[in-house]
Amino acid sequence: MEKVIVYQIKQVDFEKLEKLAERIYNTVTVIDYFCRTQQEIEELYNLAPIVENLRRDTDTVNAYFINYPDNKNF
């Protein structure tokens, strides 16, 4: 049987993580746009798939915070 570990995060810390996730998402969005529009630069063309994966992951994290229930029981 697996042991379940429960983490409790204070609301203040949750809100800090939420803002951090949003900033990371916004930064990756700009980088992704830049890599897609400047593909004549080989280095950016090579980075595009990595940035795309990073953007997908940040979308998921940011969506978690956006969709978290308003009733935040910590």
PDB file of N, CA and C in Angstrom:
ATOM      1  N   MET A   1       0.841  -1.180   0.000  1.00  0.00           N
ATOM      2  CA  MET A   1       0.000   0.000   0.000  1.00  0.00           C
ATOM      3  C   MET A   1       0.882   1.238   0.000  1.00  0.00           C
ATOM      4  N   GLU A   2       0.512   2.203  -0.819  1.00  0.00           N
ATOM      5  CA  GLU A   2       1.290   3.437  -0.904  1.00  0.00           C
ATOM      6  C   GLU A   2       0.981   4.345   0.273  1.00  0.00           C
ATOM      7  N   LYS A   3       1.999   5.044   0.703  1.00  0.00           N
ATOM      8  CA  LYS A   3       1.825   6.023   1.766  1.00  0.00           C
ATOM      9  C   LYS A   3       1.479   7.363   1.110  1.00  0.00           C
ATOM     10  N   VAL A   4       0.397   7.963   1.558  1.00  0.00           N
ATOM     11  CA  VAL A   4      -0.053   9.229   0.999  1.00  0.00           C
ATOM     12  C   VAL A   4       0.501  10.366   1.849  1.00  0.00           C
ATOM     13  N   ILE A   5       1.164  11.292   1.201  1.00  0.00           N
ATOM     14  CA  ILE A   5       1.719  12.454   1.883  1.00  0.00           C
ATOM     15  C   ILE A   5       0.871  13.663   1.515  1.00  0.00           C
ATOM     16  N   VAL A   6       0.417  14.382   2.505  1.00  0.00           N
ATOM     17  CA  VAL A   6      -0.413  15.550   2.277  1.00  0.00           C
ATOM     18  C   VAL A   6       0.390  16.787   2.641  1.00  0.00           C
ATOM     19  N   TYR A   7       0.448  17.730   1.695  1.00  0.00           N
ATOM     20  CA  TYR A   7       1.138  18.986   1.934  1.00  0.00           C
ATOM     21  C   TYR A   7       0.095  20.068   2.169  1.00  0.00           C
ATOM     22  N   GLN A   8       0.374  20.916   3.109  1.00  0.00           N
ATOM     23  CA  GLN A   8      -0.503  22.044   3.345  1.00  0.00           C
ATOM     24  C   GLN A   8       0.274  23.324   3.068  1.00  0.00           C
ATOM     25  N   ILE A   9      -0.328  24.163   2.266  1.00  0.00           N
ATOM     26  CA  ILE A   9       0.303  25.421   1.891  1.00  0.00           C
ATOM     27  C   ILE A   9      -0.555  26.554   2.429  1.00  0.00           C
ATOM     28  N   LYS A  10       0.088  27.504   3.048  1.00  0.00           N
ATOM     29  CA  LYS A  10      -0.644  28.671   3.542  1.00  0.00           C
ATOM     30  C   LYS A  10      -1.184  29.447   2.351  1.00  0.00           C
ATOM     31  N   GLN A  11      -2.302  30.139   2.549  1.00  0.00           N
ATOM     32  CA  GLN A  11      -2.921  30.883   1.460  1.00  0.00           C
ATOM     33  C   GLN A  11      -1.973  31.934   0.900  1.00  0.00           C
ATOM     34  N   VAL A  12      -1.194  32.574   1.751  1.00  0.00           N
ATOM     35  CA  VAL A  12      -0.240  33.590   1.292  1.00  0.00           C
ATOM     36  C   VAL A  12       0.790  32.953   0.360  1.00  0.00           C
ATOM     37  N   ASP A  13       1.284  31.786   0.730  1.00  0.00           N
ATOM     38  CA  ASP A  13       2.261  31.094  -0.105  1.00  0.00           C
ATOM     39  C   ASP A  13       1.631  30.628  -1.419  1.00  0.00           C
ATOM     40  N   PHE A  14       0.381  30.172  -1.347  1.00  0.00           N
ATOM     41  CA  PHE A  14      -0.329  29.759  -2.549  1.00  0.00           C
ATOM     42  C   PHE A  14      -0.441  30.926  -3.528  1.00  0.00           C
ATOM     43  N   GLU A  15      -0.784  32.084  -3.014  1.00  0.00           N
ATOM     44  CA  GLU A  15      -0.928  33.265  -3.861  1.00  0.00           C
ATOM     45  C   GLU A  15       0.412  33.688  -4.475  1.00  0.00           C
ATOM     46  N   LYS A  16       1.500  33.516  -3.725  1.00  0.00           N
ATOM     47  CA  LYS A  16       2.828  33.814  -4.270  1.00  0.00           C
ATOM     48  C   LYS A  16       3.154  32.851  -5.412  1.00  0.00           C
ATOM     49  N   LEU A  17       2.853  31.566  -5.210  1.00  0.00           N
ATOM     50  CA  LEU A  17       3.098  30.575  -6.261  1.00  0.00           C
ATOM     51  C   LEU A  17       2.226  30.841  -7.487  1.00  0.00           C
ATOM     52  N   GLU A  18       1.008  31.284  -7.242  1.00  0.00           N
ATOM     53  CA  GLU A  18       0.108  31.613  -8.338  1.00  0.00           C
ATOM     54  C   GLU A  18       0.666  32.757  -9.189  1.00  0.00           C
ATOM     55  N   LYS A  19       1.168  33.793  -8.538  1.00  0.00           N
ATOM     56  CA  LYS A  19       1.749  34.932  -9.260  1.00  0.00           C
ATOM     57  C   LYS A  19       3.018  34.510  -9.999  1.00  0.00           C
ATOM     58  N   LEU A  20       3.827  33.673  -9.372  1.00  0.00           N
ATOM     59  CA  LEU A  20       5.048  33.180 -10.010  1.00  0.00           C
ATOM     60  C   LEU A  20       4.709  32.356 -11.246  1.00  0.00           C
ATOM     61  N   ALA A  21       3.721  31.485 -11.149  1.00  0.00           N
ATOM     62  CA  ALA A  21       3.311  30.672 -12.302  1.00  0.00           C
ATOM     63  C   ALA A  21       2.836  31.563 -13.441  1.00  0.00           C
ATOM     64  N   GLU A  22       2.110  32.620 -13.109  1.00  0.00           N
ATOM     65  CA  GLU A  22       1.625  33.539 -14.138  1.00  0.00           C
ATOM     66  C   GLU A  22       2.786  34.275 -14.816  1.00  0.00           C
ATOM     67  N   ARG A  23       3.769  34.710 -14.027  1.00  0.00           N
ATOM     68  CA  ARG A  23       4.925  35.402 -14.607  1.00  0.00           C
ATOM     69  C   ARG A  23       5.728  34.480 -15.510  1.00  0.00           C
ATOM     70  N   ILE A  24       5.926  33.242 -15.070  1.00  0.00           N
ATOM     71  CA  ILE A  24       6.660  32.265 -15.883  1.00  0.00           C
ATOM     72  C   ILE A  24       5.901  31.998 -17.177  1.00  0.00           C
ATOM     73  N   TYR A  25       4.595  31.832 -17.077  1.00  0.00           N
ATOM     74  CA  TYR A  25       3.773  31.604 -18.270  1.00  0.00           C
ATOM     75  C   TYR A  25       3.907  32.766 -19.251  1.00  0.00           C
ATOM     76  N   ASN A  26       3.811  33.987 -18.758  1.00  0.00           N
ATOM     77  CA  ASN A  26       3.904  35.160 -19.633  1.00  0.00           C
ATOM     78  C   ASN A  26       5.278  35.258 -20.292  1.00  0.00           C
ATOM     79  N   THR A  27       6.321  34.959 -19.550  1.00  0.00           N
ATOM     80  CA  THR A  27       7.683  34.996 -20.100  1.00  0.00           C
ATOM     81  C   THR A  27       7.851  33.953 -21.202  1.00  0.00           C
ATOM     82  N   VAL A  28       7.389  32.748 -20.950  1.00  0.00           N
ATOM     83  CA  VAL A  28       7.522  31.679 -21.941  1.00  0.00           C
ATOM     84  C   VAL A  28       6.683  31.984 -23.176  1.00  0.00           C
ATOM     85  N   THR A  29       5.546  32.629 -22.993  1.00  0.00           N
ATOM     86  CA  THR A  29       4.709  33.008 -24.132  1.00  0.00           C
ATOM     87  C   THR A  29       5.459  33.967 -25.052  1.00  0.00           C
ATOM     88  N   VAL A  30       6.149  34.927 -24.482  1.00  0.00           N
ATOM     89  CA  VAL A  30       6.922  35.880 -25.281  1.00  0.00           C
ATOM     90  C   VAL A  30       8.086  35.171 -25.981  1.00  0.00           C
ATOM     91  N   ILE A  31       8.779  34.313 -25.270  1.00  0.00           N
ATOM     92  CA  ILE A  31       9.898  33.572 -25.868  1.00  0.00           C
ATOM     93  C   ILE A  31       9.390  32.688 -27.006  1.00  0.00           C
ATOM     94  N   ASP A  32       8.268  32.017 -26.791  1.00  0.00           N
ATOM     95  CA  ASP A  32       7.689  31.156 -27.816  1.00  0.00           C
ATOM     96  C   ASP A  32       7.345  31.959 -29.063  1.00  0.00           C
ATOM     97  N   TYR A  33       6.724  33.110 -28.879  1.00  0.00           N
ATOM     98  CA  TYR A  33       6.386  33.973 -30.023  1.00  0.00           C
ATOM     99  C   TYR A  33       7.655  34.396 -30.770  1.00  0.00           C
ATOM    100  N   PHE A  34       8.668  34.779 -30.027  1.00  0.00           N
ATOM    101  CA  PHE A  34       9.922  35.219 -30.636  1.00  0.00           C
ATOM    102  C   PHE A  34      10.565  34.088 -31.446  1.00  0.00           C
ATOM    103  N   CYS A  35      10.596  32.881 -30.872  1.00  0.00           N
ATOM    104  CA  CYS A  35      11.198  31.745 -31.585  1.00  0.00           C
ATOM    105  C   CYS A  35      10.416  31.403 -32.847  1.00  0.00           C
ATOM    106  N   ARG A  36       9.107  31.522 -32.792  1.00  0.00           N
ATOM    107  CA  ARG A  36       8.279  31.194 -33.960  1.00  0.00           C
ATOM    108  C   ARG A  36       8.408  32.233 -35.075  1.00  0.00           C
ATOM    109  N   THR A  37       8.593  33.486 -34.712  1.00  0.00           N
ATOM    110  CA  THR A  37       8.633  34.535 -35.735  1.00  0.00           C
ATOM    111  C   THR A  37      10.038  34.815 -36.251  1.00  0.00           C
ATOM    112  N   GLN A  38      11.057  34.291 -35.628  1.00  0.00           N
ATOM    113  CA  GLN A  38      12.437  34.535 -36.041  1.00  0.00           C
ATOM    114  C   GLN A  38      13.125  33.234 -36.447  1.00  0.00           C
ATOM    115  N   GLN A  39      12.424  32.383 -37.183  1.00  0.00           N
ATOM    116  CA  GLN A  39      12.963  31.061 -37.501  1.00  0.00           C
ATOM    117  C   GLN A  39      14.108  31.076 -38.504  1.00  0.00           C
ATOM    118  N   GLU A  40      14.359  32.243 -39.103  1.00  0.00           N
ATOM    119  CA  GLU A  40      15.517  32.306 -40.007  1.00  0.00           C
ATOM    120  C   GLU A  40      16.826  32.261 -39.210  1.00  0.00           C
ATOM    121  N   ILE A  41      16.747  32.520 -37.920  1.00  0.00           N
ATOM    122  CA  ILE A  41      17.926  32.389 -37.053  1.00  0.00           C
ATOM    123  C   ILE A  41      17.967  30.935 -36.593  1.00  0.00           C
ATOM    124  N   GLU A  42      18.985  30.228 -37.003  1.00  0.00           N
ATOM    125  CA  GLU A  42      19.041  28.783 -36.787  1.00  0.00           C
ATOM    126  C   GLU A  42      18.923  28.393 -35.315  1.00  0.00           C
ATOM    127  N   GLU A  43      19.574  29.140 -34.448  1.00  0.00           N
ATOM    128  CA  GLU A  43      19.539  28.803 -33.020  1.00  0.00           C
ATOM    129  C   GLU A  43      18.112  28.870 -32.472  1.00  0.00           C
ATOM    130  N   LEU A  44      17.369  29.888 -32.901  1.00  0.00           N
ATOM    131  CA  LEU A  44      15.980  30.009 -32.450  1.00  0.00           C
ATOM    132  C   LEU A  44      15.122  28.905 -33.044  1.00  0.00           C
ATOM    133  N   TYR A  45      15.397  28.552 -34.294  1.00  0.00           N
ATOM    134  CA  TYR A  45      14.673  27.452 -34.936  1.00  0.00           C
ATOM    135  C   TYR A  45      14.893  26.152 -34.161  1.00  0.00           C
ATOM    136  N   ASN A  46      16.130  25.935 -33.713  1.00  0.00           N
ATOM    137  CA  ASN A  46      16.449  24.726 -32.961  1.00  0.00           C
ATOM    138  C   ASN A  46      15.833  24.737 -31.565  1.00  0.00           C
ATOM    139  N   LEU A  47      15.665  25.919 -30.987  1.00  0.00           N
ATOM    140  CA  LEU A  47      15.071  26.023 -29.650  1.00  0.00           C
ATOM    141  C   LEU A  47      13.548  25.919 -29.661  1.00  0.00           C
ATOM    142  N   ALA A  48      12.930  26.153 -30.795  1.00  0.00           N
ATOM    143  CA  ALA A  48      11.471  26.213 -30.873  1.00  0.00           C
ATOM    144  C   ALA A  48      10.761  24.990 -30.273  1.00  0.00           C
ATOM    145  N   PRO A  49      11.179  23.754 -30.554  1.00  0.00           N
ATOM    146  CA  PRO A  49      10.485  22.603 -29.961  1.00  0.00           C
ATOM    147  C   PRO A  49      10.612  22.551 -28.433  1.00  0.00           C
ATOM    148  N   ILE A  50      11.756  22.962 -27.919  1.00  0.00           N
ATOM    149  CA  ILE A  50      11.965  22.973 -26.467  1.00  0.00           C
ATOM    150  C   ILE A  50      11.060  24.015 -25.825  1.00  0.00           C
ATOM    151  N   VAL A  51      11.006  25.179 -26.426  1.00  0.00           N
ATOM    152  CA  VAL A  51      10.156  26.257 -25.906  1.00  0.00           C
ATOM    153  C   VAL A  51       8.688  25.850 -26.000  1.00  0.00           C
ATOM    154  N   GLU A  52       8.331  25.148 -27.059  1.00  0.00           N
ATOM    155  CA  GLU A  52       6.943  24.689 -27.211  1.00  0.00           C
ATOM    156  C   GLU A  52       6.558  23.740 -26.076  1.00  0.00           C
ATOM    157  N   ASN A  53       7.446  22.824 -25.733  1.00  0.00           N
ATOM    158  CA  ASN A  53       7.191  21.913 -24.607  1.00  0.00           C
ATOM    159  C   ASN A  53       7.108  22.677 -23.289  1.00  0.00           C
ATOM    160  N   LEU A  54       7.988  23.630 -23.109  1.00  0.00           N
ATOM    161  CA  LEU A  54       7.974  24.445 -21.901  1.00  0.00           C
ATOM    162  C   LEU A  54       6.674  25.235 -21.808  1.00  0.00           C
ATOM    163  N   ARG A  55       6.238  25.765 -22.924  1.00  0.00           N
ATOM    164  CA  ARG A  55       4.980  26.528 -22.938  1.00  0.00           C
ATOM    165  C   ARG A  55       3.805  25.632 -22.578  1.00  0.00           C
ATOM    166  N   ARG A  56       3.785  24.425 -23.103  1.00  0.00           N
ATOM    167  CA  ARG A  56       2.714  23.484 -22.788  1.00  0.00           C
ATOM    168  C   ARG A  56       2.686  23.190 -21.286  1.00  0.00           C
ATOM    169  N   ASP A  57       3.852  22.987 -20.699  1.00  0.00           N
ATOM    170  CA  ASP A  57       3.928  22.718 -19.258  1.00  0.00           C
ATOM    171  C   ASP A  57       3.485  23.929 -18.440  1.00  0.00           C
ATOM    172  N   THR A  58       3.894  25.122 -18.860  1.00  0.00           N
ATOM    173  CA  THR A  58       3.494  26.308 -18.107  1.00  0.00           C
ATOM    174  C   THR A  58       2.001  26.575 -18.279  1.00  0.00           C
ATOM    175  N   ASP A  59       1.438  26.217 -19.435  1.00  0.00           N
ATOM    176  CA  ASP A  59      -0.011  26.315 -19.618  1.00  0.00           C
ATOM    177  C   ASP A  59      -0.724  25.457 -18.570  1.00  0.00           C
ATOM    178  N   THR A  60      -0.228  24.249 -18.379  1.00  0.00           N
ATOM    179  CA  THR A  60      -0.837  23.325 -17.425  1.00  0.00           C
ATOM    180  C   THR A  60      -0.753  23.862 -16.006  1.00  0.00           C
ATOM    181  N   VAL A  61       0.410  24.352 -15.623  1.00  0.00           N
ATOM    182  CA  VAL A  61       0.583  24.877 -14.262  1.00  0.00           C
ATOM    183  C   VAL A  61      -0.281  26.113 -14.049  1.00  0.00           C
ATOM    184  N   ASN A  62      -0.268  27.014 -15.010  1.00  0.00           N
ATOM    185  CA  ASN A  62      -1.056  28.237 -14.877  1.00  0.00           C
ATOM    186  C   ASN A  62      -2.549  27.902 -14.836  1.00  0.00           C
ATOM    187  N   ALA A  63      -2.985  26.940 -15.629  1.00  0.00           N
ATOM    188  CA  ALA A  63      -4.388  26.531 -15.634  1.00  0.00           C
ATOM    189  C   ALA A  63      -4.789  25.954 -14.275  1.00  0.00           C
ATOM    190  N   TYR A  64      -3.874  25.239 -13.633  1.00  0.00           N
ATOM    191  CA  TYR A  64      -4.164  24.702 -12.303  1.00  0.00           C
ATOM    192  C   TYR A  64      -4.529  25.834 -11.338  1.00  0.00           C
ATOM    193  N   PHE A  65      -3.731  26.886 -11.346  1.00  0.00           N
ATOM    194  CA  PHE A  65      -3.987  28.001 -10.428  1.00  0.00           C
ATOM    195  C   PHE A  65      -5.246  28.770 -10.829  1.00  0.00           C
ATOM    196  N   ILE A  66      -5.469  28.941 -12.118  1.00  0.00           N
ATOM    197  CA  ILE A  66      -6.661  29.654 -12.574  1.00  0.00           C
ATOM    198  C   ILE A  66      -7.924  28.899 -12.185  1.00  0.00           C
ATOM    199  N   ASN A  67      -7.902  27.583 -12.327  1.00  0.00           N
ATOM    200  CA  ASN A  67      -9.089  26.763 -12.090  1.00  0.00           C
ATOM    201  C   ASN A  67      -9.228  26.269 -10.656  1.00  0.00           C
ATOM    202  N   TYR A  68      -8.288  26.631  -9.794  1.00  0.00           N
ATOM    203  CA  TYR A  68      -8.376  26.173  -8.407  1.00  0.00           C
ATOM    204  C   TYR A  68      -9.641  26.766  -7.788  1.00  0.00           C
ATOM    205  N   PRO A  69     -10.380  25.973  -7.036  1.00  0.00           N
ATOM    206  CA  PRO A  69     -11.637  26.467  -6.458  1.00  0.00           C
ATOM    207  C   PRO A  69     -11.421  27.740  -5.621  1.00  0.00           C
ATOM    208  N   ASP A  70     -12.401  28.625  -5.675  1.00  0.00           N
ATOM    209  CA  ASP A  70     -12.334  29.845  -4.897  1.00  0.00           C
ATOM    210  C   ASP A  70     -12.265  29.568  -3.405  1.00  0.00           C
ATOM    211  N   ASN A  71     -12.872  28.491  -2.983  1.00  0.00           N
ATOM    212  CA  ASN A  71     -12.862  28.126  -1.576  1.00  0.00           C
ATOM    213  C   ASN A  71     -11.562  27.376  -1.298  1.00  0.00           C
ATOM    214  N   LYS A  72     -10.513  28.123  -1.006  1.00  0.00           N
ATOM    215  CA  LYS A  72      -9.177  27.562  -0.815  1.00  0.00           C
ATOM    216  C   LYS A  72      -9.039  27.088   0.630  1.00  0.00           C
ATOM    217  N   ASN A  73      -9.247  25.802   0.816  1.00  0.00           N
ATOM    218  CA  ASN A  73      -9.089  25.212   2.156  1.00  0.00           C
ATOM    219  C   ASN A  73      -7.685  24.652   2.278  1.00  0.00           C
ATOM    220  N   PHE A  74      -6.892  25.290   3.082  1.00  0.00           N
ATOM    221  CA  PHE A  74      -5.508  24.846   3.234  1.00  0.00           C
ATOM    222  C   PHE A  74      -5.390  24.067   4.489  1.00  0.00           C
TER     223      PHE A  74
END
